[in-house]
Amino acid sequence: MTLTKRAHRLSLGIALLLLLAFAIPSAGALELADGRMKLTLHEDSGRFSLSCLIGGKEGVYVPMIASQDPRTTMLSVVVGNKVFVMGDNGEFSQTVEKTASGARFVWRSITLQVTETFTFVASPDSPVSNGVRIDIALKNLSEQDVAAGVRYLFDTYLGEASFVHFRTDTLTKLTNELSMSGSSRPPYWVSPLAGDPQDFGLMVMTSGVGITVPDTLIFANWKRLSDASWIYDTSASRNFSMLPYSVNDSAACEYFAPRALPRGAEMTVTLVMGQYSRSGFTGGATSLAQSLASAEGQGVHADLSIVNSILAQIDAGISAGTLSDDELSKLESALKELESRAARYAPHTGE
């Protein structure tokens, strides 16, 4: 079927609803939405929340990580022998700002700048954003060479109701503490909504193009991980409870061991997470809207690449019967954008 016929089929059957990036101000928070994802940066605590839209345009946003208290998911940075929890340390000033494709925190002390940038991304099998990339950049502002590392503690919850806390490509059910590194480290982990026919869950990539591989991945009780300022020693005999303070409360923690950071130098750790996808995510995957923006000015080859991507997404979605009205509307809008560019490639006839 030709591109014209495909575009015509889209225009006949869908409403024109386009979910592009936008900001919704709220008290002490910067809230953005793109595709299926809603991202909130909490200015009061230096934390973030992430939710995913399920059930189509009339659906609801489901939190991907525990949302009752956003402070329970936390980014820590170690410099030398000192550990700093971002948002909790008075040595760092903090700013929050929107970017062209997401938002970011910037923390700055007299010796270190930490920038946490969130970018909406799409998995290869999704026409709209269904995840975020998190780039954590550490810049040495001091006059001394230092060693710096990153730890990210995620307060997960989706699997707690059914005790299927986590799964990986080789583990279908994880119910006790576990530390994974080297060859035992999986390519991804999932905090699944057990029993969901659509396999809904939080997927966090631990390898892939553009993704920084964690040195250690730990699954344990949240309080035990939170109480440990840095590394935590797991025990296979312990489950995800710490009686009587914390019951059936699981969490995952990714460690990026300290590395040399010369004065004036910068290092970046890149994580990618989102709605579970059989195709996974890469560190370079962006939403369709971002692809169009980046292709602007790059010529016919970039636009043809996007056309091919759109056609593949239409074919895959129609065959699987998984394209919602919102997704079809997004594709139609992209086609219209491409059509508006077509004139630049028409032969010049002259007068």
Protein backbone atom coordinates (compact mmCIF):
# COMPACT_ATOMS: atom_id res chain seq x y z
CA MET A 1 0.00 0.00 0.00
CA THR A 2 1.36 3.44 -0.91
CA LEU A 3 2.18 6.16 1.58
CA THR A 4 -0.76 8.22 0.20
CA LYS A 5 -3.23 5.39 0.86
CA ARG A 6 -1.83 4.79 4.34
CA ALA A 7 -2.11 8.47 5.22
CA HIS A 8 -5.67 8.50 3.85
CA ARG A 9 -6.63 5.52 6.02
CA LEU A 10 -5.27 7.30 9.07
CA SER A 11 -7.12 10.56 8.33
CA LEU A 12 -10.49 8.79 7.92
CA GLY A 13 -10.58 6.94 11.21
CA ILE A 14 -9.01 9.08 13.96
CA ALA A 15 -9.48 12.25 15.97
CA LEU A 16 -6.81 14.92 15.82
CA LEU A 17 -5.33 14.63 19.30
CA LEU A 18 -1.62 15.35 19.56
CA LEU A 19 0.26 14.75 22.80
CA LEU A 20 3.40 16.86 22.43
CA ALA A 21 5.68 17.99 25.24
CA PHE A 22 4.12 20.63 27.46
CA ALA A 23 4.59 22.04 30.93
CA ILE A 24 1.86 22.19 33.59
CA PRO A 25 2.95 24.32 36.53
CA SER A 26 2.06 23.14 40.00
CA ALA A 27 3.15 24.10 43.48
CA GLY A 28 6.83 23.29 43.82
CA ALA A 29 6.96 21.04 40.77
CA LEU A 30 7.66 21.09 37.04
CA GLU A 31 5.31 18.68 35.28
CA LEU A 32 5.70 17.58 31.66
CA ALA A 33 3.87 15.09 29.46
CA ASP A 34 4.77 13.49 26.14
CA GLY A 35 3.18 10.46 24.50
CA ARG A 36 2.28 8.05 27.28
CA MET A 37 4.66 9.51 29.85
CA LYS A 38 4.21 12.13 32.55
CA LEU A 39 7.34 13.40 34.28
CA THR A 40 7.35 15.55 37.41
CA LEU A 41 10.42 17.22 38.87
CA HIS A 42 9.81 18.10 42.53
CA GLU A 43 11.67 21.30 43.27
CA ASP A 44 11.24 21.03 47.04
CA SER A 45 13.01 17.66 47.32
CA GLY A 46 15.14 17.34 44.17
CA ARG A 47 13.33 14.12 43.23
CA PHE A 48 11.28 12.99 40.24
CA SER A 49 8.07 11.07 39.62
CA LEU A 50 7.23 9.12 36.47
CA SER A 51 3.80 7.90 35.36
CA CYS A 52 2.52 6.06 32.30
CA LEU A 53 -0.85 6.49 30.59
CA ILE A 54 -2.76 3.25 30.19
CA GLY A 55 -6.18 2.62 28.67
CA GLY A 56 -5.92 5.08 25.76
CA LYS A 57 -6.90 8.74 25.78
CA GLU A 58 -9.63 8.12 28.37
CA GLY A 59 -7.26 6.14 30.56
CA VAL A 60 -5.33 6.97 33.71
CA TYR A 61 -1.71 7.66 34.60
CA VAL A 62 -0.18 4.85 36.64
CA PRO A 63 2.97 5.69 38.69
CA MET A 64 6.01 3.71 37.58
CA ILE A 65 7.77 4.14 40.94
CA ALA A 66 6.37 4.71 44.43
CA SER A 67 4.72 8.14 44.38
CA GLN A 68 3.27 8.66 47.87
CA ASP A 69 6.58 10.21 48.93
CA PRO A 70 8.85 11.02 45.94
CA ARG A 71 11.84 11.33 48.31
CA THR A 72 12.09 7.53 48.56
CA THR A 73 13.67 7.33 45.10
CA MET A 74 17.03 9.06 45.34
CA LEU A 75 20.22 9.87 43.45
CA SER A 76 23.47 9.75 45.44
CA VAL A 77 26.92 10.86 44.32
CA VAL A 78 30.17 9.83 45.98
CA VAL A 79 33.23 12.06 45.70
CA GLY A 80 36.30 10.76 47.46
CA ASN A 81 34.97 9.48 50.78
CA LYS A 82 31.89 11.70 50.93
CA VAL A 83 28.41 10.68 49.79
CA PHE A 84 25.89 13.36 48.78
CA VAL A 85 22.17 12.71 48.30
CA MET A 86 21.01 15.13 45.64
CA GLY A 87 18.27 17.43 46.94
CA ASP A 88 19.16 16.73 50.58
CA ASN A 89 22.57 18.34 50.86
CA GLY A 90 22.98 21.99 51.80
CA GLU A 91 26.36 22.23 50.10
CA PHE A 92 24.64 22.22 46.70
CA SER A 93 22.45 24.90 45.18
CA GLN A 94 19.64 23.57 43.00
CA THR A 95 17.87 24.78 39.87
CA VAL A 96 15.12 23.15 37.82
CA GLU A 97 14.46 23.95 34.19
CA LYS A 98 12.55 22.74 31.18
CA THR A 99 14.50 21.68 28.08
CA ALA A 100 13.46 21.20 24.45
CA SER A 101 12.83 17.48 25.01
CA GLY A 102 12.31 17.16 28.77
CA ALA A 103 13.67 18.81 31.90
CA ARG A 104 16.66 18.80 34.24
CA PHE A 105 17.98 19.39 37.71
CA VAL A 106 21.28 21.20 38.16
CA TRP A 107 23.08 21.02 41.51
CA ARG A 108 26.25 23.01 42.09
CA SER A 109 28.74 23.24 44.94
CA ILE A 110 32.15 24.89 45.02
CA THR A 111 33.77 21.61 43.92
CA LEU A 112 31.20 19.70 41.85
CA GLN A 113 28.33 20.25 39.41
CA VAL A 114 25.73 17.51 39.01
CA THR A 115 23.25 17.75 36.13
CA GLU A 116 20.39 15.27 35.88
CA THR A 117 18.70 15.57 32.48
CA PHE A 118 15.45 13.78 31.64
CA THR A 119 14.60 13.21 27.96
CA PHE A 120 11.42 11.55 26.69
CA VAL A 121 12.19 8.51 24.53
CA ALA A 122 10.31 5.83 22.62
CA SER A 123 11.10 2.13 22.31
CA PRO A 124 11.48 0.83 18.73
CA ASP A 125 7.96 -0.63 18.80
CA SER A 126 6.21 2.53 20.02
CA PRO A 127 5.19 5.54 17.88
CA VAL A 128 5.05 7.79 20.97
CA SER A 129 7.15 8.34 24.05
CA ASN A 130 6.90 5.45 26.51
CA GLY A 131 10.04 6.05 28.53
CA VAL A 132 12.70 8.51 29.66
CA ARG A 133 16.46 8.68 29.36
CA ILE A 134 18.29 10.04 32.42
CA ASP A 135 21.75 11.51 31.87
CA ILE A 136 23.68 12.21 35.06
CA ALA A 137 26.69 14.45 34.35
CA LEU A 138 29.34 15.07 37.00
CA LYS A 139 31.75 17.96 36.44
CA ASN A 140 34.79 18.49 38.64
CA LEU A 141 34.92 22.19 39.53
CA SER A 142 37.78 21.83 42.01
CA GLU A 143 41.50 22.26 41.48
CA GLN A 144 42.13 18.63 42.40
CA ASP A 145 41.65 15.34 40.61
CA VAL A 146 38.96 13.26 42.35
CA ALA A 147 37.22 9.89 42.10
CA ALA A 148 33.43 10.09 41.63
CA GLY A 149 30.62 7.56 41.36
CA VAL A 150 26.84 7.35 41.19
CA ARG A 151 24.20 5.32 43.02
CA TYR A 152 20.50 5.37 42.08
CA LEU A 153 17.93 3.88 44.47
CA PHE A 154 14.51 3.22 42.92
CA ASP A 155 11.58 2.66 45.26
CA THR A 156 9.55 0.16 43.22
CA TYR A 157 6.07 -1.04 44.13
CA LEU A 158 4.18 -2.52 41.16
CA GLY A 159 5.00 -6.14 42.02
CA GLU A 160 4.50 -5.91 45.76
CA ALA A 161 0.78 -6.72 45.79
CA SER A 162 1.38 -10.18 44.32
CA PHE A 163 4.93 -10.69 45.68
CA VAL A 164 6.33 -10.88 42.13
CA HIS A 165 8.71 -8.06 42.97
CA PHE A 166 11.07 -8.24 39.99
CA ARG A 167 11.83 -10.25 36.91
CA THR A 168 14.60 -10.28 34.32
CA ASP A 169 15.26 -12.07 31.05
CA THR A 170 16.16 -15.22 33.00
CA LEU A 171 14.32 -14.79 36.33
CA THR A 172 10.53 -14.95 36.22
CA LYS A 173 10.02 -14.16 39.90
CA LEU A 174 12.37 -12.60 42.44
CA THR A 175 11.27 -12.74 46.08
CA ASN A 176 14.56 -12.45 48.03
CA GLU A 177 17.54 -10.13 48.09
CA LEU A 178 19.96 -10.47 45.22
CA SER A 179 23.15 -8.77 44.05
CA MET A 180 24.11 -9.05 40.38
CA SER A 181 27.29 -7.99 38.61
CA GLY A 182 29.55 -9.11 35.81
CA SER A 183 28.18 -12.02 33.81
CA SER A 184 25.21 -12.43 36.19
CA ARG A 185 23.95 -8.92 35.50
CA PRO A 186 20.82 -9.01 33.26
CA PRO A 187 20.32 -6.73 30.23
CA TYR A 188 17.25 -5.27 31.96
CA TRP A 189 15.04 -5.62 35.00
CA VAL A 190 11.29 -5.16 35.36
CA SER A 191 9.08 -4.21 38.28
CA PRO A 192 5.94 -5.90 36.92
CA LEU A 193 2.26 -5.39 37.56
CA ALA A 194 1.68 -9.09 38.09
CA GLY A 195 -1.29 -10.64 36.28
CA ASP A 196 -1.67 -7.74 33.88
CA PRO A 197 -2.55 -9.11 30.40
CA GLN A 198 -0.59 -6.29 28.75
CA ASP A 199 2.57 -7.03 30.77
CA PHE A 200 2.55 -3.52 32.22
CA GLY A 201 5.57 -2.71 34.34
CA LEU A 202 8.60 -0.49 34.87
CA MET A 203 11.47 -1.60 32.66
CA VAL A 204 15.00 -0.37 33.40
CA MET A 205 17.75 -1.15 30.90
CA THR A 206 21.16 -2.12 32.23
CA SER A 207 22.90 -2.48 28.86
CA GLY A 208 22.46 -1.48 25.24
CA VAL A 209 23.50 1.24 22.84
CA GLY A 210 24.17 4.50 24.68
CA ILE A 211 23.40 3.03 28.13
CA THR A 212 25.94 3.01 30.96
CA VAL A 213 26.27 -0.49 32.40
CA PRO A 214 26.02 -0.48 36.20
CA ASP A 215 28.86 -2.16 38.05
CA THR A 216 26.41 -3.69 40.50
CA LEU A 217 22.63 -4.16 40.57
CA ILE A 218 20.99 -4.89 43.92
CA PHE A 219 17.42 -5.91 44.78
CA ALA A 220 16.55 -5.62 48.47
CA ASN A 221 14.22 -4.14 51.06
CA TRP A 222 13.88 -0.39 50.57
CA LYS A 223 14.72 0.60 54.15
CA ARG A 224 17.85 -1.53 54.23
CA LEU A 225 19.05 0.05 50.99
CA SER A 226 18.07 3.53 52.13
CA ASP A 227 19.90 3.14 55.45
CA ALA A 228 23.10 2.12 53.65
CA SER A 229 24.91 5.28 52.60
CA TRP A 230 26.60 3.46 49.71
CA ILE A 231 27.12 -0.26 49.07
CA TYR A 232 24.79 -2.79 50.64
CA ASP A 233 25.66 -6.44 51.27
CA THR A 234 22.76 -8.69 50.33
CA SER A 235 21.78 -12.02 51.84
CA ALA A 236 19.80 -14.65 49.93
CA SER A 237 18.08 -15.58 53.19
CA ARG A 238 16.43 -12.16 53.49
CA ASN A 239 13.23 -11.25 51.69
CA PHE A 240 11.90 -7.73 51.02
CA SER A 241 10.74 -7.09 54.58
CA MET A 242 12.59 -5.53 57.50
CA LEU A 243 10.35 -6.24 60.46
CA PRO A 244 8.73 -4.40 62.11
CA TYR A 245 9.59 -1.20 60.25
CA SER A 246 9.24 -2.12 56.59
CA VAL A 247 7.01 -4.93 55.30
CA ASN A 248 7.05 -6.25 51.74
CA ASP A 249 8.79 -3.09 50.53
CA SER A 250 11.11 -3.82 47.61
CA ALA A 251 13.58 -1.56 45.86
CA ALA A 252 16.32 -1.74 43.25
CA CYS A 253 19.65 0.04 43.39
CA GLU A 254 22.15 0.57 40.59
CA TYR A 255 25.78 1.34 41.41
CA PHE A 256 28.28 3.01 39.11
CA ALA A 257 31.62 2.65 40.87
CA PRO A 258 33.89 5.68 41.41
CA ARG A 259 36.09 6.59 38.47
CA ALA A 260 38.86 9.11 38.03
CA LEU A 261 37.56 12.61 37.33
CA PRO A 262 40.41 15.05 36.62
CA ARG A 263 39.94 18.70 37.48
CA GLY A 264 37.74 20.45 34.93
CA ALA A 265 36.63 17.09 33.46
CA GLU A 266 33.10 15.73 33.15
CA MET A 267 31.69 12.21 33.15
CA THR A 268 28.14 11.07 32.30
CA VAL A 269 26.09 8.10 33.42
CA THR A 270 23.09 7.28 31.20
CA LEU A 271 20.05 5.27 32.31
CA VAL A 272 16.88 4.47 30.33
CA MET A 273 13.56 3.34 31.77
CA GLY A 274 9.93 3.19 30.76
CA GLN A 275 6.88 1.04 30.14
CA TYR A 276 7.83 -2.59 29.60
CA SER A 277 8.53 -3.27 25.92
CA ARG A 278 9.55 -6.55 24.34
CA SER A 279 11.97 -4.62 22.14
CA GLY A 280 13.53 -2.78 25.08
CA PHE A 281 15.05 0.70 24.87
CA THR A 282 18.34 2.20 23.75
CA GLY A 283 20.12 5.32 24.93
CA GLY A 284 19.53 6.93 21.57
CA ALA A 285 15.80 6.24 21.11
CA THR A 286 13.70 9.40 20.91
CA SER A 287 10.05 10.14 20.34
CA LEU A 288 8.68 10.75 16.85
CA ALA A 289 8.30 14.47 17.54
CA GLN A 290 11.97 14.68 18.56
CA SER A 291 13.03 12.75 15.45
CA LEU A 292 11.20 15.25 13.27
CA ALA A 293 12.82 18.16 15.06
CA SER A 294 16.32 16.70 14.75
CA ALA A 295 15.81 15.96 11.05
CA GLU A 296 14.85 19.56 10.30
CA GLY A 297 17.49 20.97 8.00
CA GLN A 298 19.25 17.65 7.42
CA GLY A 299 17.61 17.04 4.04
CA VAL A 300 15.76 14.36 2.17
CA HIS A 301 17.60 11.35 3.59
CA ALA A 302 16.63 12.18 7.16
CA ASP A 303 13.00 12.73 6.17
CA LEU A 304 12.88 9.51 4.16
CA SER A 305 14.20 7.67 7.18
CA ILE A 306 11.32 9.05 9.24
CA VAL A 307 8.82 8.08 6.52
CA ASN A 308 10.11 4.51 6.63
CA SER A 309 9.86 4.53 10.43
CA ILE A 310 6.26 5.75 10.28
CA LEU A 311 5.31 3.08 7.76
CA ALA A 312 6.90 0.36 9.88
CA GLN A 313 5.05 1.59 12.98
CA ILE A 314 1.71 1.65 11.10
CA ASP A 315 2.26 -1.87 9.77
CA ALA A 316 3.28 -3.25 13.17
CA GLY A 317 0.48 -1.50 15.03
CA ILE A 318 -2.30 -2.48 12.63
CA SER A 319 -1.12 -6.09 12.49
CA ALA A 320 -1.04 -6.31 16.27
CA GLY A 321 -4.17 -4.21 16.77
CA THR A 322 -2.41 -2.10 19.40
CA LEU A 323 -2.53 1.44 17.95
CA SER A 324 -4.76 3.75 19.97
CA ASP A 325 -6.50 6.84 18.64
CA ASP A 326 -3.85 8.99 20.29
CA GLU A 327 -1.04 7.08 18.59
CA LEU A 328 -2.73 7.20 15.20
CA SER A 329 -3.25 10.92 15.62
CA LYS A 330 0.43 11.38 16.41
CA LEU A 331 1.39 9.52 13.24
CA GLU A 332 -1.02 11.55 11.14
CA SER A 333 0.45 14.77 12.50
CA ALA A 334 3.95 13.55 11.64
CA LEU A 335 2.84 12.80 8.08
CA LYS A 336 1.41 16.29 7.75
CA GLU A 337 4.68 17.75 8.99
CA LEU A 338 6.59 15.73 6.40
CA GLU A 339 4.13 16.78 3.69
CA SER A 340 4.76 20.42 4.53
CA ARG A 341 8.46 19.84 3.88
CA ALA A 342 7.95 18.08 0.56
CA ALA A 343 8.02 21.26 -1.49
CA ARG A 344 11.71 21.75 -0.72
CA TYR A 345 12.49 18.56 -2.65
CA ALA A 346 10.36 19.37 -5.73
CA PRO A 347 12.33 19.96 -8.94
CA HIS A 348 13.00 23.63 -9.64
CA THR A 349 11.41 24.40 -13.00
CA GLY A 350 12.50 28.01 -13.38
CA GLU A 351 10.65 30.71 -15.27
